[in-house]
Amino acid sequence: MDSCFNNTTPPVSLDLLYTVKIPDSMEDVSSRCLLFKRSMACVEHYLDRCVSQRNRRIVENEVYGAKRLYEYLCHDPTFQHDFLKHKMCFHFVHDDWDTCSDQYLDILREDMPRPSEQSYHMQYVHFCCARFAYERCVHTSALLKCNKDSAIFLQKVAKLLSSETNFLTCDRIDHARCSTGRRVVVGQMLLMILLLLIMERISQA
């Protein structure tokens, strides 16, 4: 990746590759967009030369959500304005967001039914329920630490990031179809976040 970036014009700072930072100005947004564009060009070059078609589809599926997010961040003025408007909330919920992501991945790894046990349709429903849980988890954290508008926007970002090419019709799934067991998992996540926030406020009192 480094050698690929060394051959770009205009040059991109390699330090940005190893920095996790929420953009807090339009200059930062432009730098991140240039970085992402260069990164994807290098990934495409690698995929063309070194990866089979099957594995290529896997990689493309993995980066689909990030590509959707950056399409908005780099080209949509309204989204850019809202992103910078709610930038502090991203900092406030950073740790909780990581927790939500870990819980989401745990559900996918451990709780998803095997194809031999249930139909593909039911597996699809369970996947969508896990996505709904992840989005609600982010929304709840932002609602508790920021405000309603920030919670709605951060949930939108979470939804973009969790998008995958194989599961683009989750919005057609009725949330009520999510199983009781899945709702328990959601409740556990939200309760854990609420307890952490209460403990944090008590320690600051």
Protein backbone atom coordinates (compact mmCIF):
# COMPACT_ATOMS: atom_id res chain seq x y z
CA MET A 1 0.00 0.00 0.00
CA ASP A 2 2.83 2.41 0.87
CA SER A 3 4.51 1.96 -2.53
CA CYS A 4 1.18 2.55 -4.24
CA PHE A 5 0.70 5.81 -2.37
CA ASN A 6 4.24 6.94 -3.19
CA ASN A 7 3.28 6.99 -6.87
CA THR A 8 0.20 9.22 -6.50
CA THR A 9 -0.23 12.78 -7.74
CA PRO A 10 -0.92 14.94 -5.85
CA PRO A 11 0.92 13.19 -3.00
CA VAL A 12 -1.02 11.88 -0.02
CA SER A 13 0.48 11.90 3.47
CA LEU A 14 1.07 8.32 4.56
CA ASP A 15 0.57 9.40 8.17
CA LEU A 16 -3.17 9.66 7.46
CA LEU A 17 -3.24 5.95 6.68
CA TYR A 18 -2.43 5.09 10.28
CA THR A 19 -4.45 7.83 12.00
CA VAL A 20 -7.99 7.41 13.31
CA LYS A 21 -9.42 10.92 13.51
CA ILE A 22 -12.89 12.35 13.03
CA PRO A 23 -12.74 15.17 10.46
CA ASP A 24 -13.60 18.47 12.16
CA SER A 25 -13.31 20.88 9.23
CA MET A 26 -13.90 20.92 5.48
CA GLU A 27 -10.14 20.80 5.02
CA ASP A 28 -10.05 17.57 7.03
CA VAL A 29 -12.97 16.19 5.03
CA SER A 30 -11.14 16.95 1.75
CA SER A 31 -7.97 15.27 3.03
CA ARG A 32 -9.90 12.18 4.11
CA CYS A 33 -11.72 11.99 0.80
CA LEU A 34 -8.45 12.21 -1.12
CA LEU A 35 -6.99 9.52 1.14
CA PHE A 36 -9.98 7.24 0.61
CA LYS A 37 -9.91 7.77 -3.15
CA ARG A 38 -6.22 6.88 -3.29
CA SER A 39 -6.76 3.89 -1.00
CA MET A 40 -9.55 2.49 -3.16
CA ALA A 41 -7.44 3.00 -6.31
CA CYS A 42 -4.63 1.00 -4.73
CA VAL A 43 -7.07 -1.70 -3.59
CA GLU A 44 -8.55 -1.94 -7.10
CA HIS A 45 -5.05 -2.24 -8.57
CA TYR A 46 -4.24 -5.05 -6.13
CA LEU A 47 -7.54 -6.84 -6.79
CA ASP A 48 -7.03 -6.67 -10.55
CA ARG A 49 -3.57 -8.21 -10.35
CA CYS A 50 -3.63 -10.59 -7.42
CA VAL A 51 -7.13 -11.73 -6.40
CA SER A 52 -9.54 -14.25 -7.86
CA GLN A 53 -13.01 -13.13 -8.93
CA ARG A 54 -14.64 -14.92 -5.98
CA ASN A 55 -12.34 -13.33 -3.41
CA ARG A 56 -12.70 -10.00 -5.15
CA ARG A 57 -16.45 -10.09 -4.53
CA ILE A 58 -15.79 -10.77 -0.85
CA VAL A 59 -13.48 -7.76 -0.56
CA GLU A 60 -15.86 -5.52 -2.51
CA ASN A 61 -18.67 -6.54 -0.17
CA GLU A 62 -16.55 -5.68 2.86
CA VAL A 63 -15.74 -2.16 1.66
CA TYR A 64 -19.20 -1.40 0.24
CA GLY A 65 -20.43 0.36 3.38
CA ALA A 66 -17.35 2.55 3.62
CA LYS A 67 -17.67 3.47 -0.06
CA ARG A 68 -21.30 4.50 0.45
CA LEU A 69 -20.35 6.65 3.45
CA TYR A 70 -17.59 8.39 1.54
CA GLU A 71 -19.85 9.01 -1.43
CA TYR A 72 -21.98 11.13 0.87
CA LEU A 73 -19.09 12.66 2.82
CA CYS A 74 -17.16 13.67 -0.28
CA HIS A 75 -19.95 14.74 -2.63
CA ASP A 76 -23.06 15.72 -0.66
CA PRO A 77 -22.88 19.29 0.79
CA THR A 78 -25.85 18.68 3.10
CA PHE A 79 -24.27 15.51 4.51
CA GLN A 80 -20.94 17.35 4.94
CA HIS A 81 -22.68 20.13 6.86
CA ASP A 82 -24.49 17.66 9.12
CA PHE A 83 -21.33 15.61 9.67
CA LEU A 84 -19.41 18.66 10.90
CA LYS A 85 -22.43 19.87 12.88
CA HIS A 86 -22.48 16.63 14.88
CA LYS A 87 -18.71 16.04 14.95
CA MET A 88 -18.42 16.30 18.74
CA CYS A 89 -21.02 13.58 19.21
CA PHE A 90 -18.77 11.16 17.30
CA HIS A 91 -16.11 11.78 19.95
CA PHE A 92 -18.57 11.38 22.83
CA VAL A 93 -19.89 7.99 21.64
CA HIS A 94 -16.64 6.59 20.23
CA ASP A 95 -16.19 3.89 22.89
CA ASP A 96 -19.87 2.97 22.87
CA TRP A 97 -19.80 2.71 19.08
CA ASP A 98 -16.94 0.21 19.36
CA THR A 99 -19.04 -1.78 21.83
CA CYS A 100 -22.02 -1.73 19.47
CA SER A 101 -19.81 -2.92 16.61
CA ASP A 102 -18.34 -5.74 18.69
CA GLN A 103 -21.81 -6.88 19.73
CA TYR A 104 -22.96 -6.76 16.11
CA LEU A 105 -20.04 -8.91 14.97
CA ASP A 106 -20.60 -11.34 17.85
CA ILE A 107 -24.22 -11.81 16.75
CA LEU A 108 -23.10 -12.50 13.19
CA ARG A 109 -20.41 -14.95 14.27
CA GLU A 110 -22.26 -16.83 17.00
CA ASP A 111 -26.01 -16.32 16.66
CA MET A 112 -26.53 -16.52 12.91
CA PRO A 113 -28.21 -19.82 11.99
CA ARG A 114 -26.37 -22.20 9.72
CA PRO A 115 -27.78 -22.62 6.19
CA SER A 116 -28.42 -26.28 6.89
CA GLU A 117 -30.58 -25.42 9.88
CA GLN A 118 -32.85 -22.77 8.42
CA SER A 119 -33.74 -21.36 5.04
CA TYR A 120 -31.71 -18.64 3.40
CA HIS A 121 -34.68 -16.29 3.86
CA MET A 122 -34.65 -16.75 7.64
CA GLN A 123 -30.90 -16.28 7.70
CA TYR A 124 -31.41 -13.04 5.81
CA VAL A 125 -33.99 -11.90 8.37
CA HIS A 126 -31.62 -12.68 11.26
CA PHE A 127 -28.82 -10.74 9.58
CA CYS A 128 -31.11 -7.72 9.13
CA CYS A 129 -32.18 -7.95 12.77
CA ALA A 130 -28.53 -7.83 13.79
CA ARG A 131 -28.08 -4.71 11.66
CA PHE A 132 -31.14 -3.08 13.25
CA ALA A 133 -29.70 -3.85 16.68
CA TYR A 134 -26.37 -2.26 15.77
CA GLU A 135 -28.04 0.88 14.41
CA ARG A 136 -30.30 1.22 17.45
CA CYS A 137 -27.34 0.71 19.76
CA VAL A 138 -25.49 3.65 18.16
CA HIS A 139 -28.67 5.74 18.19
CA THR A 140 -29.29 5.09 21.89
CA SER A 141 -25.74 6.01 22.88
CA ALA A 142 -25.92 9.27 20.91
CA LEU A 143 -29.36 10.04 22.36
CA LEU A 144 -28.03 9.66 25.90
CA LYS A 145 -24.77 11.54 25.37
CA CYS A 146 -25.74 14.14 22.76
CA ASN A 147 -29.22 15.00 21.50
CA LYS A 148 -32.01 13.71 19.29
CA ASP A 149 -30.72 15.28 16.06
CA SER A 150 -27.23 13.88 16.60
CA ALA A 151 -28.68 10.45 17.41
CA ILE A 152 -30.62 10.40 14.15
CA PHE A 153 -27.59 11.45 12.11
CA LEU A 154 -25.19 8.98 13.77
CA GLN A 155 -27.70 6.19 13.21
CA LYS A 156 -27.71 7.15 9.51
CA VAL A 157 -23.90 6.86 9.45
CA ALA A 158 -24.07 3.48 11.21
CA LYS A 159 -26.60 2.29 8.63
CA LEU A 160 -24.33 3.33 5.78
CA LEU A 161 -21.32 1.59 7.32
CA SER A 162 -23.21 -1.65 7.90
CA SER A 163 -24.47 -1.84 4.31
CA GLU A 164 -23.41 -4.88 2.28
CA THR A 165 -24.07 -5.67 -1.36
CA ASN A 166 -25.72 -8.99 -0.47
CA PHE A 167 -28.16 -7.39 1.96
CA LEU A 168 -29.52 -4.25 0.34
CA THR A 169 -33.20 -4.88 1.08
CA CYS A 170 -33.15 -5.05 4.88
CA ASP A 171 -35.45 -2.02 4.98
CA ARG A 172 -38.17 -4.25 3.56
CA ILE A 173 -37.98 -6.46 6.64
CA ASP A 174 -40.55 -5.57 9.28
CA HIS A 175 -38.66 -4.81 12.51
CA ALA A 176 -41.38 -6.69 14.38
CA ARG A 177 -40.19 -9.89 12.70
CA CYS A 178 -36.97 -9.82 14.65
CA SER A 179 -37.11 -12.71 17.07
CA THR A 180 -37.61 -12.34 20.81
CA GLY A 181 -34.11 -13.66 21.37
CA ARG A 182 -32.67 -11.00 19.13
CA ARG A 183 -34.61 -8.29 20.96
CA VAL A 184 -33.15 -9.58 24.22
CA VAL A 185 -29.67 -9.10 22.77
CA VAL A 186 -30.60 -5.56 21.78
CA GLY A 187 -31.96 -4.89 25.26
CA GLN A 188 -28.78 -6.20 26.84
CA MET A 189 -26.66 -3.88 24.69
CA LEU A 190 -28.76 -0.82 25.51
CA LEU A 191 -28.90 -1.68 29.21
CA MET A 192 -25.13 -2.11 29.32
CA ILE A 193 -24.57 1.28 27.69
CA LEU A 194 -27.08 2.94 30.06
CA LEU A 195 -25.37 1.43 33.12
CA LEU A 196 -21.96 2.60 31.88
CA LEU A 197 -23.27 6.13 31.42
CA ILE A 198 -24.84 6.18 34.89
CA MET A 199 -21.59 4.94 36.47
CA GLU A 200 -19.62 7.55 34.53
CA ARG A 201 -21.86 10.37 35.77
CA ILE A 202 -21.74 9.11 39.36
CA SER A 203 -17.93 9.06 39.25
CA GLN A 204 -17.91 12.66 37.99
CA ALA A 205 -20.32 13.86 40.69
